[in-house]
Amino acid sequence: MAFLFVASASETPALSIRADSTSQEDGWIALKTDAGILFVWNRKDLSFTLLVKGNEIRPMDTSDNIFFSVDGLPFQIQSLPISNFAPDARKNQLDNKAILFAHRDWEAKFIAEELLHHKLTVQTSVVKINNGSEALIWQFDVPKEVGGDARKQVYVTVVSKDYVILLNSIVNDTVSEETVRKFLLDTVNTLKVSDTRIDVKKLQESIRKGSGL
């Protein structure tokens, strides 16, 4: 398996990986579609979906984080409260771009100091996604001393309500940086945030009838 870092210092809430569940409890679920999977996550005050496209998508065996193998590419989805890394963000009236940069600095510091014990040089750019939001795409080279086959780690992040949603993958000798960036950006561009809790059972029925996406 390709080397992949844990993307966040915070733990993921209770999870579900059943391919056809009608559970309405807090947590996430991956629903099979003709294009790949529809990832659904209901949190206490955030509900959203992402369409992950691929011919072969399967969950990876991890404990507290959400990882998939998408046509052999390791892929992580995470969402974490802004209060985890910038507790005064709203009080100080930080805009979404400032929040994303604060999150990047927090994540990069955690990875450098707690995981790699190695200084990182982070490259960053801001992009607009389909829903009009600004997203941050940032990456760093994986030090050779770490081992494994990962050459770069790439993240795409976006603010949604009081959370940051994060997508993460790797560049290696067989998967190019261009391919990884396109996959992450294509996926984040499918993001749909619901004002109400997503009814998984109803969504499943829509997918079965061919009207869910």
C-alpha atoms as a PDB file:
ATOM      1  CA  MET A   1       0.000   0.000   0.000  1.00  0.00           C
ATOM      2  CA  ALA A   2       1.231   3.522  -0.752  1.00  0.00           C
ATOM      3  CA  PHE A   3       2.407   5.581   2.166  1.00  0.00           C
ATOM      4  CA  LEU A   4      -0.282   8.039   3.249  1.00  0.00           C
ATOM      5  CA  PHE A   5      -0.311  10.367   6.220  1.00  0.00           C
ATOM      6  CA  VAL A   6      -3.155  10.843   8.628  1.00  0.00           C
ATOM      7  CA  ALA A   7      -4.447  14.218   7.475  1.00  0.00           C
ATOM      8  CA  SER A   8      -5.757  15.616  10.717  1.00  0.00           C
ATOM      9  CA  ALA A   9      -4.937  15.581  14.380  1.00  0.00           C
ATOM     10  CA  SER A  10      -8.649  15.228  15.169  1.00  0.00           C
ATOM     11  CA  GLU A  11     -10.502  11.921  15.144  1.00  0.00           C
ATOM     12  CA  THR A  12     -13.333  11.137  12.780  1.00  0.00           C
ATOM     13  CA  PRO A  13     -16.814  10.540  14.285  1.00  0.00           C
ATOM     14  CA  ALA A  14     -18.563   7.181  14.181  1.00  0.00           C
ATOM     15  CA  LEU A  15     -18.323   5.699  10.707  1.00  0.00           C
ATOM     16  CA  SER A  16     -20.339   3.553   8.353  1.00  0.00           C
ATOM     17  CA  ILE A  17     -19.044   1.896   5.212  1.00  0.00           C
ATOM     18  CA  ARG A  18     -22.048  -0.185   4.244  1.00  0.00           C
ATOM     19  CA  ALA A  19     -22.720   0.056   0.534  1.00  0.00           C
ATOM     20  CA  ASP A  20     -26.504   0.050   0.939  1.00  0.00           C
ATOM     21  CA  SER A  21     -27.529   1.159   4.397  1.00  0.00           C
ATOM     22  CA  THR A  22     -30.628   3.014   5.507  1.00  0.00           C
ATOM     23  CA  SER A  23     -29.021   4.202   8.729  1.00  0.00           C
ATOM     24  CA  GLN A  24     -30.026   7.728   9.748  1.00  0.00           C
ATOM     25  CA  GLU A  25     -27.493   7.985  12.560  1.00  0.00           C
ATOM     26  CA  ASP A  26     -24.660  10.499  12.598  1.00  0.00           C
ATOM     27  CA  GLY A  27     -21.804   9.285  10.472  1.00  0.00           C
ATOM     28  CA  TRP A  28     -20.942   8.634   6.852  1.00  0.00           C
ATOM     29  CA  ILE A  29     -21.882   6.133   4.216  1.00  0.00           C
ATOM     30  CA  ALA A  30     -20.742   5.321   0.672  1.00  0.00           C
ATOM     31  CA  LEU A  31     -23.566   4.534  -1.740  1.00  0.00           C
ATOM     32  CA  LYS A  32     -22.782   2.724  -4.978  1.00  0.00           C
ATOM     33  CA  THR A  33     -23.563   4.557  -8.228  1.00  0.00           C
ATOM     34  CA  ASP A  34     -22.903   3.872 -11.892  1.00  0.00           C
ATOM     35  CA  ALA A  35     -20.030   6.393 -11.787  1.00  0.00           C
ATOM     36  CA  GLY A  36     -18.432   5.201  -8.536  1.00  0.00           C
ATOM     37  CA  ILE A  37     -19.753   6.109  -5.086  1.00  0.00           C
ATOM     38  CA  LEU A  38     -21.840   8.883  -3.605  1.00  0.00           C
ATOM     39  CA  PHE A  39     -20.245   9.728  -0.266  1.00  0.00           C
ATOM     40  CA  VAL A  40     -22.752  11.034   2.298  1.00  0.00           C
ATOM     41  CA  TRP A  41     -21.811  12.511   5.657  1.00  0.00           C
ATOM     42  CA  ASN A  42     -24.318  13.648   8.262  1.00  0.00           C
ATOM     43  CA  ARG A  43     -22.722  15.482  11.174  1.00  0.00           C
ATOM     44  CA  LYS A  44     -24.510  17.269  13.997  1.00  0.00           C
ATOM     45  CA  ASP A  45     -24.605  20.578  12.111  1.00  0.00           C
ATOM     46  CA  LEU A  46     -23.204  19.712   8.663  1.00  0.00           C
ATOM     47  CA  SER A  47     -24.525  17.382   5.973  1.00  0.00           C
ATOM     48  CA  PHE A  48     -22.925  17.004   2.581  1.00  0.00           C
ATOM     49  CA  THR A  49     -22.339  14.683  -0.366  1.00  0.00           C
ATOM     50  CA  LEU A  50     -19.406  14.100  -2.712  1.00  0.00           C
ATOM     51  CA  LEU A  51     -19.443  12.078  -5.903  1.00  0.00           C
ATOM     52  CA  VAL A  52     -16.246  10.020  -6.123  1.00  0.00           C
ATOM     53  CA  LYS A  53     -15.760   8.660  -9.621  1.00  0.00           C
ATOM     54  CA  GLY A  54     -13.845   5.477 -10.319  1.00  0.00           C
ATOM     55  CA  ASN A  55     -14.110   1.982 -11.753  1.00  0.00           C
ATOM     56  CA  GLU A  56     -12.913   0.209  -8.603  1.00  0.00           C
ATOM     57  CA  ILE A  57     -13.468   1.911  -5.252  1.00  0.00           C
ATOM     58  CA  ARG A  58     -13.008   0.128  -1.953  1.00  0.00           C
ATOM     59  CA  PRO A  59     -12.496   1.215   1.667  1.00  0.00           C
ATOM     60  CA  MET A  60      -8.997   0.992   3.083  1.00  0.00           C
ATOM     61  CA  ASP A  61      -8.479  -0.609   6.477  1.00  0.00           C
ATOM     62  CA  THR A  62      -7.905   2.353   8.805  1.00  0.00           C
ATOM     63  CA  SER A  63      -9.142   2.983  12.316  1.00  0.00           C
ATOM     64  CA  ASP A  64     -10.311   6.563  12.859  1.00  0.00           C
ATOM     65  CA  ASN A  65      -9.990   8.052   9.383  1.00  0.00           C
ATOM     66  CA  ILE A  66     -11.854   7.711   6.089  1.00  0.00           C
ATOM     67  CA  PHE A  67      -9.663   6.255   3.348  1.00  0.00           C
ATOM     68  CA  PHE A  68     -10.603   4.729   0.013  1.00  0.00           C
ATOM     69  CA  SER A  69      -8.627   3.157  -2.779  1.00  0.00           C
ATOM     70  CA  VAL A  70      -9.917   4.704  -6.019  1.00  0.00           C
ATOM     71  CA  ASP A  71      -8.571   2.734  -8.975  1.00  0.00           C
ATOM     72  CA  GLY A  72      -5.490   2.080  -6.835  1.00  0.00           C
ATOM     73  CA  LEU A  73      -5.122   5.702  -5.687  1.00  0.00           C
ATOM     74  CA  PRO A  74      -5.235   6.226  -1.890  1.00  0.00           C
ATOM     75  CA  PHE A  75      -7.812   8.916  -1.101  1.00  0.00           C
ATOM     76  CA  GLN A  76      -8.912  10.485   2.185  1.00  0.00           C
ATOM     77  CA  ILE A  77     -12.003  12.497   3.105  1.00  0.00           C
ATOM     78  CA  GLN A  78     -12.106  14.451   6.349  1.00  0.00           C
ATOM     79  CA  SER A  79     -14.193  17.181   7.931  1.00  0.00           C
ATOM     80  CA  LEU A  80     -13.244  18.963  11.110  1.00  0.00           C
ATOM     81  CA  PRO A  81     -14.610  21.866  13.130  1.00  0.00           C
ATOM     82  CA  ILE A  82     -12.900  25.220  12.587  1.00  0.00           C
ATOM     83  CA  SER A  83     -12.771  25.508  16.374  1.00  0.00           C
ATOM     84  CA  ASN A  84     -10.177  22.697  16.403  1.00  0.00           C
ATOM     85  CA  PHE A  85      -7.496  24.954  14.950  1.00  0.00           C
ATOM     86  CA  ALA A  86      -8.905  28.520  15.033  1.00  0.00           C
ATOM     87  CA  PRO A  87     -11.258  28.831  18.008  1.00  0.00           C
ATOM     88  CA  ASP A  88     -11.590  32.610  17.613  1.00  0.00           C
ATOM     89  CA  ALA A  89     -12.057  32.611  13.839  1.00  0.00           C
ATOM     90  CA  ARG A  90     -15.650  33.824  13.873  1.00  0.00           C
ATOM     91  CA  LYS A  91     -15.067  36.238  16.741  1.00  0.00           C
ATOM     92  CA  ASN A  92     -12.158  37.763  14.820  1.00  0.00           C
ATOM     93  CA  GLN A  93     -14.237  37.771  11.621  1.00  0.00           C
ATOM     94  CA  LEU A  94     -11.771  35.736   9.583  1.00  0.00           C
ATOM     95  CA  ASP A  95     -12.895  35.204   6.016  1.00  0.00           C
ATOM     96  CA  ASN A  96     -12.903  31.732   4.477  1.00  0.00           C
ATOM     97  CA  LYS A  97      -9.544  32.187   2.777  1.00  0.00           C
ATOM     98  CA  ALA A  98      -7.891  33.152   6.072  1.00  0.00           C
ATOM     99  CA  ILE A  99      -9.505  30.128   7.732  1.00  0.00           C
ATOM    100  CA  LEU A 100      -8.162  27.805   5.032  1.00  0.00           C
ATOM    101  CA  PHE A 101      -4.643  29.192   5.406  1.00  0.00           C
ATOM    102  CA  ALA A 102      -4.869  28.814   9.184  1.00  0.00           C
ATOM    103  CA  HIS A 103      -5.956  25.213   8.731  1.00  0.00           C
ATOM    104  CA  ARG A 104      -3.096  24.545   6.288  1.00  0.00           C
ATOM    105  CA  ASP A 105      -0.560  25.920   8.770  1.00  0.00           C
ATOM    106  CA  TRP A 106      -2.040  23.830  11.597  1.00  0.00           C
ATOM    107  CA  GLU A 107      -2.046  20.623   9.534  1.00  0.00           C
ATOM    108  CA  ALA A 108       1.433  21.196   8.125  1.00  0.00           C
ATOM    109  CA  LYS A 109       2.834  21.880  11.589  1.00  0.00           C
ATOM    110  CA  PHE A 110       1.271  18.682  12.929  1.00  0.00           C
ATOM    111  CA  ILE A 111       2.629  16.606  10.037  1.00  0.00           C
ATOM    112  CA  ALA A 112       6.119  18.132  10.225  1.00  0.00           C
ATOM    113  CA  GLU A 113       6.508  17.968  13.997  1.00  0.00           C
ATOM    114  CA  GLU A 114       4.451  14.948  15.047  1.00  0.00           C
ATOM    115  CA  LEU A 115       4.644  12.602  12.067  1.00  0.00           C
ATOM    116  CA  LEU A 116       7.682  13.323   9.917  1.00  0.00           C
ATOM    117  CA  HIS A 117      10.021  15.211  12.251  1.00  0.00           C
ATOM    118  CA  HIS A 118      11.141  17.005   9.141  1.00  0.00           C
ATOM    119  CA  LYS A 119      10.741  20.586   7.873  1.00  0.00           C
ATOM    120  CA  LEU A 120       8.259  20.906   5.018  1.00  0.00           C
ATOM    121  CA  THR A 121       8.125  23.331   2.107  1.00  0.00           C
ATOM    122  CA  VAL A 122       4.452  23.838   1.294  1.00  0.00           C
ATOM    123  CA  GLN A 123       3.208  25.041  -2.094  1.00  0.00           C
ATOM    124  CA  THR A 124      -0.244  26.629  -2.118  1.00  0.00           C
ATOM    125  CA  SER A 125      -2.763  28.034  -4.575  1.00  0.00           C
ATOM    126  CA  VAL A 126      -6.353  29.281  -4.317  1.00  0.00           C
ATOM    127  CA  VAL A 127      -8.987  28.070  -6.784  1.00  0.00           C
ATOM    128  CA  LYS A 128     -12.696  28.680  -7.318  1.00  0.00           C
ATOM    129  CA  ILE A 129     -14.945  25.626  -7.313  1.00  0.00           C
ATOM    130  CA  ASN A 130     -18.315  25.108  -8.970  1.00  0.00           C
ATOM    131  CA  ASN A 131     -20.432  26.285  -6.036  1.00  0.00           C
ATOM    132  CA  GLY A 132     -18.619  29.648  -6.038  1.00  0.00           C
ATOM    133  CA  SER A 133     -16.530  28.938  -2.933  1.00  0.00           C
ATOM    134  CA  GLU A 134     -12.790  29.369  -2.714  1.00  0.00           C
ATOM    135  CA  ALA A 135     -10.787  26.201  -2.162  1.00  0.00           C
ATOM    136  CA  LEU A 136      -7.161  25.833  -1.157  1.00  0.00           C
ATOM    137  CA  ILE A 137      -4.942  23.297  -2.899  1.00  0.00           C
ATOM    138  CA  TRP A 138      -1.640  22.708  -1.143  1.00  0.00           C
ATOM    139  CA  GLN A 139       1.094  20.126  -1.275  1.00  0.00           C
ATOM    140  CA  PHE A 140       4.567  19.208  -0.148  1.00  0.00           C
ATOM    141  CA  ASP A 141       7.307  16.793  -1.143  1.00  0.00           C
ATOM    142  CA  VAL A 142       7.531  13.686   1.005  1.00  0.00           C
ATOM    143  CA  PRO A 143      11.081  13.373   2.397  1.00  0.00           C
ATOM    144  CA  LYS A 144      12.934  10.367   1.012  1.00  0.00           C
ATOM    145  CA  GLU A 145      13.945   9.383   4.536  1.00  0.00           C
ATOM    146  CA  VAL A 146      10.305   8.607   5.319  1.00  0.00           C
ATOM    147  CA  GLY A 147      10.251   5.629   2.992  1.00  0.00           C
ATOM    148  CA  GLY A 148       7.259   4.298   1.114  1.00  0.00           C
ATOM    149  CA  ASP A 149       6.383   5.190  -2.458  1.00  0.00           C
ATOM    150  CA  ALA A 150       4.715   8.584  -1.904  1.00  0.00           C
ATOM    151  CA  ARG A 151       6.561  11.439  -3.579  1.00  0.00           C
ATOM    152  CA  LYS A 152       4.153  14.277  -2.800  1.00  0.00           C
ATOM    153  CA  GLN A 153       1.142  14.772  -0.543  1.00  0.00           C
ATOM    154  CA  VAL A 154      -1.697  16.858  -2.019  1.00  0.00           C
ATOM    155  CA  TYR A 155      -4.663  18.429  -0.191  1.00  0.00           C
ATOM    156  CA  VAL A 156      -7.764  20.311  -1.282  1.00  0.00           C
ATOM    157  CA  THR A 157      -9.730  22.112   1.431  1.00  0.00           C
ATOM    158  CA  VAL A 158     -12.903  24.184   1.499  1.00  0.00           C
ATOM    159  CA  VAL A 159     -14.892  25.901   4.264  1.00  0.00           C
ATOM    160  CA  SER A 160     -18.473  24.788   4.787  1.00  0.00           C
ATOM    161  CA  LYS A 161     -20.465  26.295   7.651  1.00  0.00           C
ATOM    162  CA  ASP A 162     -18.296  25.857  10.772  1.00  0.00           C
ATOM    163  CA  TYR A 163     -16.149  23.101   9.259  1.00  0.00           C
ATOM    164  CA  VAL A 164     -13.272  22.555   6.884  1.00  0.00           C
ATOM    165  CA  ILE A 165     -13.792  19.706   4.426  1.00  0.00           C
ATOM    166  CA  LEU A 166     -10.511  18.126   3.338  1.00  0.00           C
ATOM    167  CA  LEU A 167      -9.607  15.788   0.479  1.00  0.00           C
ATOM    168  CA  ASN A 168      -6.159  14.245   0.346  1.00  0.00           C
ATOM    169  CA  SER A 169      -4.121  11.949  -1.884  1.00  0.00           C
ATOM    170  CA  ILE A 170      -0.567  11.207  -2.971  1.00  0.00           C
ATOM    171  CA  VAL A 171       1.698  11.422  -6.004  1.00  0.00           C
ATOM    172  CA  ASN A 172       3.923   8.409  -6.604  1.00  0.00           C
ATOM    173  CA  ASP A 173       5.965   6.895  -9.421  1.00  0.00           C
ATOM    174  CA  THR A 174       2.863   5.659 -11.226  1.00  0.00           C
ATOM    175  CA  VAL A 175       0.387   8.495 -10.549  1.00  0.00           C
ATOM    176  CA  SER A 176       1.345  11.997 -11.672  1.00  0.00           C
ATOM    177  CA  GLU A 177       0.830  15.271  -9.831  1.00  0.00           C
ATOM    178  CA  GLU A 178      -1.447  16.454 -12.644  1.00  0.00           C
ATOM    179  CA  THR A 179      -3.631  13.355 -12.276  1.00  0.00           C
ATOM    180  CA  VAL A 180      -3.934  13.713  -8.501  1.00  0.00           C
ATOM    181  CA  ARG A 181      -4.728  17.424  -8.601  1.00  0.00           C
ATOM    182  CA  LYS A 182      -7.373  16.883 -11.277  1.00  0.00           C
ATOM    183  CA  PHE A 183      -8.968  14.013  -9.338  1.00  0.00           C
ATOM    184  CA  LEU A 184      -9.146  16.042  -6.113  1.00  0.00           C
ATOM    185  CA  LEU A 185     -10.490  19.159  -7.847  1.00  0.00           C
ATOM    186  CA  ASP A 186     -13.020  17.149  -9.878  1.00  0.00           C
ATOM    187  CA  THR A 187     -14.216  15.521  -6.654  1.00  0.00           C
ATOM    188  CA  VAL A 188     -14.498  18.721  -4.610  1.00  0.00           C
ATOM    189  CA  ASN A 189     -16.448  20.259  -7.490  1.00  0.00           C
ATOM    190  CA  THR A 190     -19.207  17.703  -6.824  1.00  0.00           C
ATOM    191  CA  LEU A 191     -19.619  18.930  -3.226  1.00  0.00           C
ATOM    192  CA  LYS A 192     -23.244  19.545  -2.271  1.00  0.00           C
ATOM    193  CA  VAL A 193     -23.998  20.877   1.196  1.00  0.00           C
ATOM    194  CA  SER A 194     -27.525  20.364   2.502  1.00  0.00           C
ATOM    195  CA  ASP A 195     -29.361  22.844   4.704  1.00  0.00           C
ATOM    196  CA  THR A 196     -31.078  19.888   6.364  1.00  0.00           C
ATOM    197  CA  ARG A 197     -30.065  16.406   7.380  1.00  0.00           C
ATOM    198  CA  ILE A 198     -29.699  14.111   4.348  1.00  0.00           C
ATOM    199  CA  ASP A 199     -32.222  11.282   4.279  1.00  0.00           C
ATOM    200  CA  VAL A 200     -30.045   8.350   3.230  1.00  0.00           C
ATOM    201  CA  LYS A 201     -32.942   5.997   2.572  1.00  0.00           C
ATOM    202  CA  LYS A 202     -34.624   8.531   0.296  1.00  0.00           C
ATOM    203  CA  LEU A 203     -31.345   9.205  -1.482  1.00  0.00           C
ATOM    204  CA  GLN A 204     -30.809   5.484  -2.061  1.00  0.00           C
ATOM    205  CA  GLU A 205     -34.218   5.211  -3.670  1.00  0.00           C
ATOM    206  CA  SER A 206     -33.402   8.151  -5.953  1.00  0.00           C
ATOM    207  CA  ILE A 207     -30.147   6.494  -7.015  1.00  0.00           C
ATOM    208  CA  ARG A 208     -31.936   3.227  -7.747  1.00  0.00           C
ATOM    209  CA  LYS A 209     -34.433   5.110  -9.916  1.00  0.00           C
ATOM    210  CA  GLY A 210     -31.612   6.920 -11.677  1.00  0.00           C
ATOM    211  CA  SER A 211     -32.531  10.391 -10.389  1.00  0.00           C
ATOM    212  CA  GLY A 212     -30.219  10.762  -7.381  1.00  0.00           C
ATOM    213  CA  LEU A 213     -27.317  12.642  -9.018  1.00  0.00           C
END
